[in-house]
């Protein structure tokens, strides 16, 4: 089964119609087969039923092949919660969540979180609002 992800990575780098057909055929060959084991057959069928989602990269080569970005987004929050035992109030939770989100967004945009906070607290406004930076980056990536 390791052949499928490697092939997807190659396809993602240079999408090609014949490669798409080949990958779909290999997927079908692998997950339609019947074995002597009922549990394995059920697992193969379950995977095959998710074919469209699993092979989404064939339609959208720009999407990541993993969910590590989403996992990394919550990792910091989970570590802090384990260490501190969470917050004592809803206001504390909202404050923690807001600052964590700001920090993560700044990191993704390549902006120093401390410089961003300093810019906002001192009302310098040298750094564009994060929403505008996200729009700019989004427009750049689709262009």
C-alpha atoms as a PDB file:
ATOM      1  CA  UNK A   1       0.000   0.000   0.000  1.00  0.00           C
ATOM      2  CA  UNK A   2       3.018   2.335   0.336  1.00  0.00           C
ATOM      3  CA  UNK A   3       3.056   2.586  -3.460  1.00  0.00           C
ATOM      4  CA  UNK A   4      -0.112   4.703  -3.513  1.00  0.00           C
ATOM      5  CA  UNK A   5       1.117   7.667  -1.379  1.00  0.00           C
ATOM      6  CA  UNK A   6       4.480   7.810  -3.192  1.00  0.00           C
ATOM      7  CA  UNK A   7       2.677   7.804  -6.538  1.00  0.00           C
ATOM      8  CA  UNK A   8       0.373  10.582  -5.283  1.00  0.00           C
ATOM      9  CA  UNK A   9       3.401  12.675  -4.342  1.00  0.00           C
ATOM     10  CA  UNK A  10       4.871  12.241  -7.828  1.00  0.00           C
ATOM     11  CA  UNK A  11       1.510  13.102  -9.413  1.00  0.00           C
ATOM     12  CA  UNK A  12       1.195  16.174  -7.204  1.00  0.00           C
ATOM     13  CA  UNK A  13       4.486  17.552  -8.521  1.00  0.00           C
ATOM     14  CA  UNK A  14       3.417  17.214 -12.167  1.00  0.00           C
ATOM     15  CA  UNK A  15      -0.255  16.302 -12.717  1.00  0.00           C
ATOM     16  CA  UNK A  16      -0.845  14.161 -15.779  1.00  0.00           C
ATOM     17  CA  UNK A  17      -4.052  12.598 -17.119  1.00  0.00           C
ATOM     18  CA  UNK A  18      -2.474   9.205 -17.804  1.00  0.00           C
ATOM     19  CA  UNK A  19      -0.990   9.117 -14.306  1.00  0.00           C
ATOM     20  CA  UNK A  20      -4.427   9.923 -12.879  1.00  0.00           C
ATOM     21  CA  UNK A  21      -5.978   6.968 -14.690  1.00  0.00           C
ATOM     22  CA  UNK A  22      -3.115   4.694 -13.594  1.00  0.00           C
ATOM     23  CA  UNK A  23      -3.439   5.751  -9.957  1.00  0.00           C
ATOM     24  CA  UNK A  24      -7.212   5.207  -9.957  1.00  0.00           C
ATOM     25  CA  UNK A  25      -6.707   1.754 -11.508  1.00  0.00           C
ATOM     26  CA  UNK A  26      -4.078   0.804  -8.937  1.00  0.00           C
ATOM     27  CA  UNK A  27      -6.368   2.012  -6.151  1.00  0.00           C
ATOM     28  CA  UNK A  28      -9.241  -0.077  -7.514  1.00  0.00           C
ATOM     29  CA  UNK A  29      -7.034  -3.167  -7.950  1.00  0.00           C
ATOM     30  CA  UNK A  30      -5.805  -2.891  -4.394  1.00  0.00           C
ATOM     31  CA  UNK A  31      -9.056  -2.177  -2.591  1.00  0.00           C
ATOM     32  CA  UNK A  32     -11.616  -4.166  -4.629  1.00  0.00           C
ATOM     33  CA  UNK A  33      -9.787  -7.462  -4.195  1.00  0.00           C
ATOM     34  CA  UNK A  34     -11.319 -10.177  -2.026  1.00  0.00           C
ATOM     35  CA  UNK A  35      -9.301 -12.122   0.515  1.00  0.00           C
ATOM     36  CA  UNK A  36     -10.016 -15.106   2.719  1.00  0.00           C
ATOM     37  CA  UNK A  37     -10.440 -12.822   5.725  1.00  0.00           C
ATOM     38  CA  UNK A  38     -13.804 -11.179   6.388  1.00  0.00           C
ATOM     39  CA  UNK A  39     -12.315  -8.433   8.585  1.00  0.00           C
ATOM     40  CA  UNK A  40      -9.735  -7.515   5.972  1.00  0.00           C
ATOM     41  CA  UNK A  41     -12.379  -7.497   3.230  1.00  0.00           C
ATOM     42  CA  UNK A  42     -14.523  -5.139   5.316  1.00  0.00           C
ATOM     43  CA  UNK A  43     -11.546  -2.850   5.916  1.00  0.00           C
ATOM     44  CA  UNK A  44     -10.683  -2.792   2.199  1.00  0.00           C
ATOM     45  CA  UNK A  45     -14.311  -2.005   1.352  1.00  0.00           C
ATOM     46  CA  UNK A  46     -14.395   0.801   3.923  1.00  0.00           C
ATOM     47  CA  UNK A  47     -11.264   2.347   2.412  1.00  0.00           C
ATOM     48  CA  UNK A  48     -12.636   1.925  -1.115  1.00  0.00           C
ATOM     49  CA  UNK A  49     -15.841   3.717  -0.109  1.00  0.00           C
ATOM     50  CA  UNK A  50     -13.677   6.750   0.700  1.00  0.00           C
ATOM     51  CA  UNK A  51     -11.946   6.651  -2.683  1.00  0.00           C
ATOM     52  CA  UNK A  52     -13.083  10.109  -3.777  1.00  0.00           C
ATOM     53  CA  UNK A  53     -11.768  11.740  -0.604  1.00  0.00           C
ATOM     54  CA  UNK A  54      -8.548   9.708  -0.559  1.00  0.00           C
ATOM     55  CA  UNK A  55      -7.763  10.538  -4.191  1.00  0.00           C
ATOM     56  CA  UNK A  56      -8.808  14.183  -3.959  1.00  0.00           C
ATOM     57  CA  UNK A  57      -5.228  15.116  -4.835  1.00  0.00           C
ATOM     58  CA  UNK A  58      -6.002  13.991  -8.395  1.00  0.00           C
ATOM     59  CA  UNK A  59      -8.527  16.809  -8.735  1.00  0.00           C
ATOM     60  CA  UNK A  60      -6.706  19.302  -6.497  1.00  0.00           C
ATOM     61  CA  UNK A  61      -2.919  18.711  -6.579  1.00  0.00           C
ATOM     62  CA  UNK A  62      -2.422  21.826  -4.428  1.00  0.00           C
ATOM     63  CA  UNK A  63      -3.945  20.317  -1.271  1.00  0.00           C
ATOM     64  CA  UNK A  64      -1.646  18.694   1.307  1.00  0.00           C
ATOM     65  CA  UNK A  65      -1.514  14.902   1.515  1.00  0.00           C
ATOM     66  CA  UNK A  66      -1.667  14.968   5.326  1.00  0.00           C
ATOM     67  CA  UNK A  67      -3.397  16.773   8.167  1.00  0.00           C
ATOM     68  CA  UNK A  68      -0.229  17.685  10.059  1.00  0.00           C
ATOM     69  CA  UNK A  69      -1.042  21.392   9.811  1.00  0.00           C
ATOM     70  CA  UNK A  70      -4.312  20.885  11.681  1.00  0.00           C
ATOM     71  CA  UNK A  71      -2.627  18.645  14.233  1.00  0.00           C
ATOM     72  CA  UNK A  72       0.105  21.218  14.839  1.00  0.00           C
ATOM     73  CA  UNK A  73      -2.495  23.954  15.329  1.00  0.00           C
ATOM     74  CA  UNK A  74      -3.893  22.286  18.450  1.00  0.00           C
ATOM     75  CA  UNK A  75      -0.668  20.782  19.830  1.00  0.00           C
ATOM     76  CA  UNK A  76       0.405  23.935  21.713  1.00  0.00           C
ATOM     77  CA  UNK A  77      -3.012  24.333  23.298  1.00  0.00           C
ATOM     78  CA  UNK A  78      -3.046  20.697  24.447  1.00  0.00           C
ATOM     79  CA  UNK A  79       0.437  20.980  25.991  1.00  0.00           C
ATOM     80  CA  UNK A  80      -0.535  24.090  27.961  1.00  0.00           C
ATOM     81  CA  UNK A  81      -3.761  22.479  29.132  1.00  0.00           C
ATOM     82  CA  UNK A  82      -1.889  19.380  30.360  1.00  0.00           C
ATOM     83  CA  UNK A  83       0.702  21.437  32.218  1.00  0.00           C
ATOM     84  CA  UNK A  84      -1.595  24.042  33.794  1.00  0.00           C
ATOM     85  CA  UNK A  85      -4.732  21.970  34.223  1.00  0.00           C
ATOM     86  CA  UNK A  86      -6.654  24.383  31.989  1.00  0.00           C
ATOM     87  CA  UNK A  87      -7.984  27.813  32.963  1.00  0.00           C
ATOM     88  CA  UNK A  88     -10.081  28.856  35.941  1.00  0.00           C
ATOM     89  CA  UNK A  89     -12.674  30.931  34.090  1.00  0.00           C
ATOM     90  CA  UNK A  90     -14.296  31.422  30.716  1.00  0.00           C
ATOM     91  CA  UNK A  91     -12.524  34.763  30.351  1.00  0.00           C
ATOM     92  CA  UNK A  92      -9.193  33.029  30.984  1.00  0.00           C
ATOM     93  CA  UNK A  93     -10.017  30.376  28.379  1.00  0.00           C
ATOM     94  CA  UNK A  94     -11.037  32.985  25.811  1.00  0.00           C
ATOM     95  CA  UNK A  95      -7.878  34.997  26.487  1.00  0.00           C
ATOM     96  CA  UNK A  96      -5.652  31.925  26.174  1.00  0.00           C
ATOM     97  CA  UNK A  97      -7.390  30.804  22.977  1.00  0.00           C
ATOM     98  CA  UNK A  98      -7.201  34.271  21.433  1.00  0.00           C
ATOM     99  CA  UNK A  99      -3.496  34.689  22.139  1.00  0.00           C
ATOM    100  CA  UNK A 100      -2.743  31.153  20.962  1.00  0.00           C
ATOM    101  CA  UNK A 101      -4.621  31.793  17.711  1.00  0.00           C
ATOM    102  CA  UNK A 102      -2.856  35.116  17.178  1.00  0.00           C
ATOM    103  CA  UNK A 103       0.530  33.511  17.825  1.00  0.00           C
ATOM    104  CA  UNK A 104      -0.155  30.634  15.416  1.00  0.00           C
ATOM    105  CA  UNK A 105      -1.452  32.986  12.726  1.00  0.00           C
ATOM    106  CA  UNK A 106       1.586  35.242  13.062  1.00  0.00           C
ATOM    107  CA  UNK A 107       3.874  32.217  12.817  1.00  0.00           C
ATOM    108  CA  UNK A 108       2.130  30.982   9.657  1.00  0.00           C
ATOM    109  CA  UNK A 109       2.422  34.436   8.108  1.00  0.00           C
ATOM    110  CA  UNK A 110       6.113  34.731   9.056  1.00  0.00           C
ATOM    111  CA  UNK A 111       5.532  37.622  11.456  1.00  0.00           C
ATOM    112  CA  UNK A 112       7.124  37.909  14.902  1.00  0.00           C
ATOM    113  CA  UNK A 113       4.314  37.544  17.439  1.00  0.00           C
ATOM    114  CA  UNK A 114       6.069  39.861  19.892  1.00  0.00           C
ATOM    115  CA  UNK A 115       6.578  42.509  17.200  1.00  0.00           C
ATOM    116  CA  UNK A 116       2.928  42.156  16.229  1.00  0.00           C
ATOM    117  CA  UNK A 117       1.785  42.627  19.849  1.00  0.00           C
ATOM    118  CA  UNK A 118       4.136  45.590  20.278  1.00  0.00           C
ATOM    119  CA  UNK A 119       2.791  47.120  17.057  1.00  0.00           C
ATOM    120  CA  UNK A 120      -0.792  46.804  18.304  1.00  0.00           C
ATOM    121  CA  UNK A 121      -0.226  47.848  21.931  1.00  0.00           C
ATOM    122  CA  UNK A 122       1.783  50.943  20.961  1.00  0.00           C
ATOM    123  CA  UNK A 123      -0.692  51.658  18.118  1.00  0.00           C
ATOM    124  CA  UNK A 124       2.118  51.970  15.566  1.00  0.00           C
ATOM    125  CA  UNK A 125       0.127  50.166  12.853  1.00  0.00           C
ATOM    126  CA  UNK A 126       3.297  49.294  10.918  1.00  0.00           C
ATOM    127  CA  UNK A 127       2.045  45.736  10.482  1.00  0.00           C
ATOM    128  CA  UNK A 128      -1.096  45.206   8.428  1.00  0.00           C
ATOM    129  CA  UNK A 129      -4.066  43.580  10.168  1.00  0.00           C
ATOM    130  CA  UNK A 130      -3.748  39.785  10.074  1.00  0.00           C
ATOM    131  CA  UNK A 131      -6.977  39.432   8.082  1.00  0.00           C
ATOM    132  CA  UNK A 132      -5.530  41.627   5.330  1.00  0.00           C
ATOM    133  CA  UNK A 133      -2.248  39.723   5.326  1.00  0.00           C
ATOM    134  CA  UNK A 134      -4.174  36.466   4.978  1.00  0.00           C
ATOM    135  CA  UNK A 135      -6.151  37.879   2.011  1.00  0.00           C
ATOM    136  CA  UNK A 136      -2.919  39.036   0.360  1.00  0.00           C
ATOM    137  CA  UNK A 137      -1.221  35.657   0.862  1.00  0.00           C
ATOM    138  CA  UNK A 138      -4.290  33.847  -0.378  1.00  0.00           C
ATOM    139  CA  UNK A 139      -4.426  35.979  -3.519  1.00  0.00           C
ATOM    140  CA  UNK A 140      -0.691  35.412  -4.105  1.00  0.00           C
ATOM    141  CA  UNK A 141      -1.026  31.647  -3.774  1.00  0.00           C
ATOM    142  CA  UNK A 142      -3.950  31.426  -6.217  1.00  0.00           C
ATOM    143  CA  UNK A 143      -2.295  33.693  -8.785  1.00  0.00           C
END
